[in-house]
Structures are given as C-alpha cells and as structure tokens.
Amino acid sequence: MWPDESVTTGLGIAEGIETALSLAWAYAPVWACIDAGNLKALPVLPGIESLVIGADNDPAGIDGAHACAQRWAADGVEVHMTKQTENDLNDVLKEVA
C-alpha cells in the first residue's frame, strides 16, 4: 500500500487489504501480505526497528502472525500485534463507525 521507499524504521503489516487499511488509521506505512502464508513468511527487513502486525483472529491468522512476530523479535525488532475479539480490525472498526 506504501512504496518501499516510504518504509524507513517502522512498518505495519496485515493479511488482507481491509485489515491493512484499518491499521493505516493509526499506523503508516502499512503493507497487505494478501494471506496468512505470506504474512508468516515475511522476511525480516534490514533497518526496520518496529513492526506492527494487524493479526486476524482465526487459526491461520494467529499462526501466521505469531510466527512472523517471533522471527522478527528474535532479530531484535520491536513487535506489536493487534488482539481483538472480532475476526479482524476492519470488523471492529465497522462496529464502532
């Protein structure tokens, strides 16, 4: 959603575009990984000091987000992950809008 050159020291990621757009209300730049498998496999990027993961609340989303978070944290990156009772951030924001 943001070009590579916009990513300097922090990045937000999510599975789908809807969740990524919802995350972008509070954090930018944000990338959509398209699915849980891509989120899970996202390599640690040099120079990124902080990663925010908009995690979907389903088995694949939780697994992908946790695997990504663990890998990035093990490399010294500060990692934050959303937690919501709904499936994703977009569902939460639609309820409060």
N, C-alpha and C. Protein backbone atom coordinates (compact mmCIF):
# COMPACT_ATOMS: atom_id res chain seq x y z
N MET A 1 0.82 -1.19 0.00
CA MET A 1 0.00 0.00 0.00
C MET A 1 0.87 1.26 0.00
N TRP A 2 2.03 1.17 0.62
CA TRP A 2 3.01 2.24 0.58
C TRP A 2 4.22 1.71 -0.18
N PRO A 3 4.90 2.56 -0.93
CA PRO A 3 6.07 2.10 -1.68
C PRO A 3 7.24 1.79 -0.75
N ASP A 4 8.16 0.99 -1.22
CA ASP A 4 9.32 0.59 -0.43
C ASP A 4 10.05 1.78 0.19
N GLU A 5 10.21 2.85 -0.57
CA GLU A 5 10.97 3.99 -0.06
C GLU A 5 10.27 4.71 1.10
N SER A 6 8.99 4.44 1.32
CA SER A 6 8.27 5.03 2.46
C SER A 6 8.57 4.28 3.75
N VAL A 7 9.09 3.07 3.62
CA VAL A 7 9.38 2.25 4.79
C VAL A 7 10.80 2.57 5.24
N THR A 8 10.89 3.20 6.41
CA THR A 8 12.22 3.58 6.91
C THR A 8 12.55 2.76 8.16
N THR A 9 11.98 3.10 9.30
CA THR A 9 12.32 2.38 10.53
C THR A 9 11.15 1.59 11.10
N GLY A 10 9.94 1.82 10.62
CA GLY A 10 8.77 1.12 11.13
C GLY A 10 7.87 0.66 9.99
N LEU A 11 7.14 -0.45 10.24
CA LEU A 11 6.25 -1.00 9.23
C LEU A 11 5.07 -1.67 9.91
N GLY A 12 3.89 -1.48 9.34
CA GLY A 12 2.70 -2.22 9.75
C GLY A 12 2.36 -3.22 8.66
N ILE A 13 1.94 -4.41 9.07
CA ILE A 13 1.56 -5.43 8.10
C ILE A 13 0.26 -6.09 8.53
N ALA A 14 -0.45 -6.64 7.56
CA ALA A 14 -1.69 -7.37 7.81
C ALA A 14 -1.87 -8.37 6.69
N GLU A 15 -2.77 -9.33 6.92
CA GLU A 15 -3.06 -10.30 5.87
C GLU A 15 -3.70 -9.62 4.67
N GLY A 16 -4.88 -9.09 4.86
CA GLY A 16 -5.65 -8.56 3.75
C GLY A 16 -5.66 -7.05 3.67
N ILE A 17 -6.14 -6.57 2.54
CA ILE A 17 -6.18 -5.13 2.29
C ILE A 17 -7.11 -4.40 3.25
N GLU A 18 -8.24 -5.03 3.61
CA GLU A 18 -9.18 -4.38 4.53
C GLU A 18 -8.54 -4.16 5.89
N THR A 19 -7.88 -5.18 6.41
CA THR A 19 -7.21 -5.05 7.70
C THR A 19 -6.07 -4.05 7.61
N ALA A 20 -5.33 -4.08 6.52
CA ALA A 20 -4.23 -3.13 6.35
C ALA A 20 -4.74 -1.69 6.31
N LEU A 21 -5.84 -1.46 5.61
CA LEU A 21 -6.42 -0.11 5.57
C LEU A 21 -6.90 0.32 6.95
N SER A 22 -7.47 -0.61 7.70
CA SER A 22 -7.91 -0.30 9.06
C SER A 22 -6.71 0.04 9.94
N LEU A 23 -5.64 -0.72 9.83
CA LEU A 23 -4.43 -0.45 10.59
C LEU A 23 -3.85 0.90 10.22
N ALA A 24 -3.99 1.29 8.97
CA ALA A 24 -3.44 2.56 8.49
C ALA A 24 -4.09 3.78 9.14
N TRP A 25 -5.24 3.61 9.78
CA TRP A 25 -5.85 4.73 10.50
C TRP A 25 -4.98 5.15 11.68
N ALA A 26 -4.18 4.23 12.19
CA ALA A 26 -3.36 4.53 13.36
C ALA A 26 -1.87 4.40 13.10
N TYR A 27 -1.48 3.78 12.00
CA TYR A 27 -0.08 3.49 11.77
C TYR A 27 0.22 3.48 10.28
N ALA A 28 1.34 4.04 9.90
CA ALA A 28 1.76 4.01 8.49
C ALA A 28 3.28 4.02 8.46
N PRO A 29 3.89 3.45 7.50
CA PRO A 29 3.34 2.78 6.33
C PRO A 29 2.84 1.37 6.67
N VAL A 30 1.95 0.87 5.82
CA VAL A 30 1.35 -0.45 6.02
C VAL A 30 1.39 -1.22 4.70
N TRP A 31 1.68 -2.50 4.82
CA TRP A 31 1.64 -3.40 3.66
C TRP A 31 0.61 -4.49 3.91
N ALA A 32 -0.11 -4.90 2.88
CA ALA A 32 -1.00 -6.06 2.93
C ALA A 32 -0.24 -7.25 2.37
N CYS A 33 -0.23 -8.35 3.10
CA CYS A 33 0.51 -9.55 2.69
C CYS A 33 -0.34 -10.51 1.85
N ILE A 34 -1.62 -10.23 1.69
CA ILE A 34 -2.58 -10.98 0.89
C ILE A 34 -3.14 -12.21 1.59
N ASP A 35 -2.30 -12.98 2.29
CA ASP A 35 -2.83 -14.14 3.02
C ASP A 35 -1.93 -14.47 4.21
N ALA A 36 -2.41 -15.38 5.05
CA ALA A 36 -1.68 -15.74 6.27
C ALA A 36 -0.33 -16.38 5.96
N GLY A 37 -0.25 -17.14 4.87
CA GLY A 37 1.01 -17.77 4.49
C GLY A 37 2.09 -16.75 4.16
N ASN A 38 1.72 -15.71 3.43
CA ASN A 38 2.68 -14.66 3.10
C ASN A 38 3.07 -13.87 4.34
N LEU A 39 2.11 -13.63 5.23
CA LEU A 39 2.39 -12.93 6.49
C LEU A 39 3.40 -13.76 7.30
N LYS A 40 3.13 -15.05 7.39
CA LYS A 40 4.00 -15.96 8.15
C LYS A 40 5.42 -15.99 7.59
N ALA A 41 5.56 -15.87 6.28
CA ALA A 41 6.86 -16.00 5.63
C ALA A 41 7.58 -14.66 5.41
N LEU A 42 6.97 -13.55 5.79
CA LEU A 42 7.59 -12.24 5.52
C LEU A 42 8.98 -12.18 6.16
N PRO A 43 10.01 -12.00 5.35
CA PRO A 43 11.37 -11.98 5.91
C PRO A 43 11.62 -10.71 6.71
N VAL A 44 12.53 -10.82 7.65
CA VAL A 44 12.96 -9.64 8.41
C VAL A 44 13.67 -8.70 7.45
N LEU A 45 13.24 -7.45 7.44
CA LEU A 45 13.81 -6.47 6.52
C LEU A 45 14.84 -5.62 7.25
N PRO A 46 16.01 -5.42 6.64
CA PRO A 46 17.05 -4.63 7.29
C PRO A 46 16.59 -3.19 7.53
N GLY A 47 16.96 -2.65 8.68
CA GLY A 47 16.65 -1.26 9.01
C GLY A 47 15.32 -1.05 9.70
N ILE A 48 14.44 -2.04 9.70
CA ILE A 48 13.15 -1.89 10.36
C ILE A 48 13.35 -2.15 11.85
N GLU A 49 12.98 -1.16 12.67
CA GLU A 49 13.15 -1.27 14.12
C GLU A 49 11.85 -1.63 14.82
N SER A 50 10.71 -1.38 14.17
CA SER A 50 9.41 -1.61 14.79
C SER A 50 8.45 -2.19 13.76
N LEU A 51 7.76 -3.28 14.17
CA LEU A 51 6.79 -3.94 13.31
C LEU A 51 5.46 -4.02 14.05
N VAL A 52 4.38 -3.58 13.40
CA VAL A 52 3.04 -3.70 13.94
C VAL A 52 2.28 -4.67 13.05
N ILE A 53 1.73 -5.73 13.65
CA ILE A 53 1.03 -6.76 12.90
C ILE A 53 -0.46 -6.67 13.20
N GLY A 54 -1.27 -6.42 12.17
CA GLY A 54 -2.72 -6.45 12.29
C GLY A 54 -3.16 -7.89 12.10
N ALA A 55 -3.24 -8.63 13.20
CA ALA A 55 -3.48 -10.08 13.14
C ALA A 55 -4.97 -10.39 13.01
N ASP A 56 -5.33 -11.27 12.09
CA ASP A 56 -6.70 -11.77 12.02
C ASP A 56 -6.91 -12.79 13.13
N ASN A 57 -8.10 -12.78 13.72
CA ASN A 57 -8.41 -13.66 14.84
C ASN A 57 -9.04 -14.96 14.34
N ASP A 58 -8.27 -15.73 13.60
CA ASP A 58 -8.68 -17.07 13.17
C ASP A 58 -7.42 -17.92 13.22
N PRO A 59 -7.55 -19.26 13.17
CA PRO A 59 -6.36 -20.11 13.35
C PRO A 59 -5.20 -19.78 12.40
N ALA A 60 -5.47 -19.61 11.12
CA ALA A 60 -4.39 -19.31 10.17
C ALA A 60 -3.79 -17.94 10.45
N GLY A 61 -4.63 -16.96 10.76
CA GLY A 61 -4.14 -15.62 11.04
C GLY A 61 -3.29 -15.55 12.29
N ILE A 62 -3.74 -16.22 13.33
CA ILE A 62 -2.99 -16.24 14.59
C ILE A 62 -1.66 -16.94 14.40
N ASP A 63 -1.66 -18.08 13.72
CA ASP A 63 -0.43 -18.83 13.46
C ASP A 63 0.55 -18.00 12.65
N GLY A 64 0.06 -17.39 11.57
CA GLY A 64 0.93 -16.59 10.72
C GLY A 64 1.50 -15.39 11.44
N ALA A 65 0.66 -14.70 12.21
CA ALA A 65 1.10 -13.51 12.93
C ALA A 65 2.13 -13.87 14.01
N HIS A 66 1.87 -14.95 14.76
CA HIS A 66 2.81 -15.35 15.81
C HIS A 66 4.15 -15.79 15.23
N ALA A 67 4.13 -16.55 14.14
CA ALA A 67 5.39 -16.99 13.52
C ALA A 67 6.20 -15.79 13.03
N CYS A 68 5.52 -14.85 12.40
CA CYS A 68 6.19 -13.64 11.91
C CYS A 68 6.75 -12.84 13.08
N ALA A 69 5.93 -12.64 14.11
CA ALA A 69 6.34 -11.86 15.28
C ALA A 69 7.56 -12.48 15.96
N GLN A 70 7.55 -13.79 16.12
CA GLN A 70 8.67 -14.46 16.78
C GLN A 70 9.97 -14.30 15.99
N ARG A 71 9.87 -14.44 14.67
CA ARG A 71 11.07 -14.33 13.83
C ARG A 71 11.64 -12.92 13.90
N TRP A 72 10.76 -11.92 13.78
CA TRP A 72 11.22 -10.53 13.80
C TRP A 72 11.76 -10.15 15.18
N ALA A 73 11.08 -10.57 16.24
CA ALA A 73 11.54 -10.26 17.60
C ALA A 73 12.89 -10.91 17.88
N ALA A 74 13.09 -12.13 17.40
CA ALA A 74 14.37 -12.82 17.58
C ALA A 74 15.51 -12.08 16.90
N ASP A 75 15.17 -11.27 15.90
CA ASP A 75 16.18 -10.48 15.19
C ASP A 75 16.35 -9.09 15.82
N GLY A 76 15.68 -8.84 16.95
CA GLY A 76 15.85 -7.58 17.68
C GLY A 76 14.87 -6.48 17.33
N VAL A 77 13.84 -6.80 16.55
CA VAL A 77 12.83 -5.81 16.16
C VAL A 77 11.75 -5.73 17.24
N GLU A 78 11.33 -4.52 17.58
CA GLU A 78 10.20 -4.33 18.49
C GLU A 78 8.93 -4.69 17.74
N VAL A 79 8.17 -5.65 18.25
CA VAL A 79 6.99 -6.16 17.56
C VAL A 79 5.75 -5.95 18.42
N HIS A 80 4.69 -5.43 17.80
CA HIS A 80 3.38 -5.28 18.44
C HIS A 80 2.36 -5.97 17.55
N MET A 81 1.39 -6.64 18.18
CA MET A 81 0.37 -7.35 17.43
C MET A 81 -1.01 -6.97 17.97
N THR A 82 -1.95 -6.73 17.06
CA THR A 82 -3.31 -6.41 17.50
C THR A 82 -3.97 -7.67 18.05
N LYS A 83 -4.89 -7.45 18.99
CA LYS A 83 -5.71 -8.54 19.53
C LYS A 83 -7.11 -8.00 19.66
N GLN A 84 -8.04 -8.67 19.04
CA GLN A 84 -9.43 -8.25 19.10
C GLN A 84 -10.31 -9.49 19.12
N THR A 85 -11.51 -9.33 19.66
CA THR A 85 -12.42 -10.47 19.73
C THR A 85 -13.04 -10.75 18.37
N GLU A 86 -13.13 -9.75 17.53
CA GLU A 86 -13.67 -9.93 16.18
C GLU A 86 -12.61 -10.58 15.30
N ASN A 87 -12.99 -10.94 14.07
CA ASN A 87 -12.04 -11.59 13.16
C ASN A 87 -10.87 -10.68 12.83
N ASP A 88 -11.12 -9.42 12.49
CA ASP A 88 -10.02 -8.53 12.15
C ASP A 88 -10.35 -7.10 12.53
N LEU A 89 -9.39 -6.21 12.38
CA LEU A 89 -9.57 -4.81 12.74
C LEU A 89 -10.71 -4.15 11.97
N ASN A 90 -10.86 -4.52 10.73
CA ASN A 90 -11.92 -3.94 9.92
C ASN A 90 -13.29 -4.23 10.52
N ASP A 91 -13.50 -5.47 11.02
CA ASP A 91 -14.78 -5.82 11.67
C ASP A 91 -15.02 -4.94 12.90
N VAL A 92 -13.98 -4.70 13.69
CA VAL A 92 -14.09 -3.87 14.89
C VAL A 92 -14.46 -2.44 14.52
N LEU A 93 -13.75 -1.89 13.54
CA LEU A 93 -13.99 -0.50 13.16
C LEU A 93 -15.39 -0.31 12.53
N LYS A 94 -15.87 -1.31 11.81
CA LYS A 94 -17.22 -1.21 11.23
C LYS A 94 -18.26 -1.15 12.34
N GLU A 95 -18.03 -1.87 13.43
CA GLU A 95 -18.99 -1.87 14.54
C GLU A 95 -19.07 -0.53 15.25
N VAL A 96 -17.95 0.19 15.35
CA VAL A 96 -17.93 1.45 16.08
C VAL A 96 -18.21 2.65 15.19
N ALA A 97 -18.22 2.45 13.88
CA ALA A 97 -18.45 3.57 12.95
C ALA A 97 -19.91 3.98 12.91
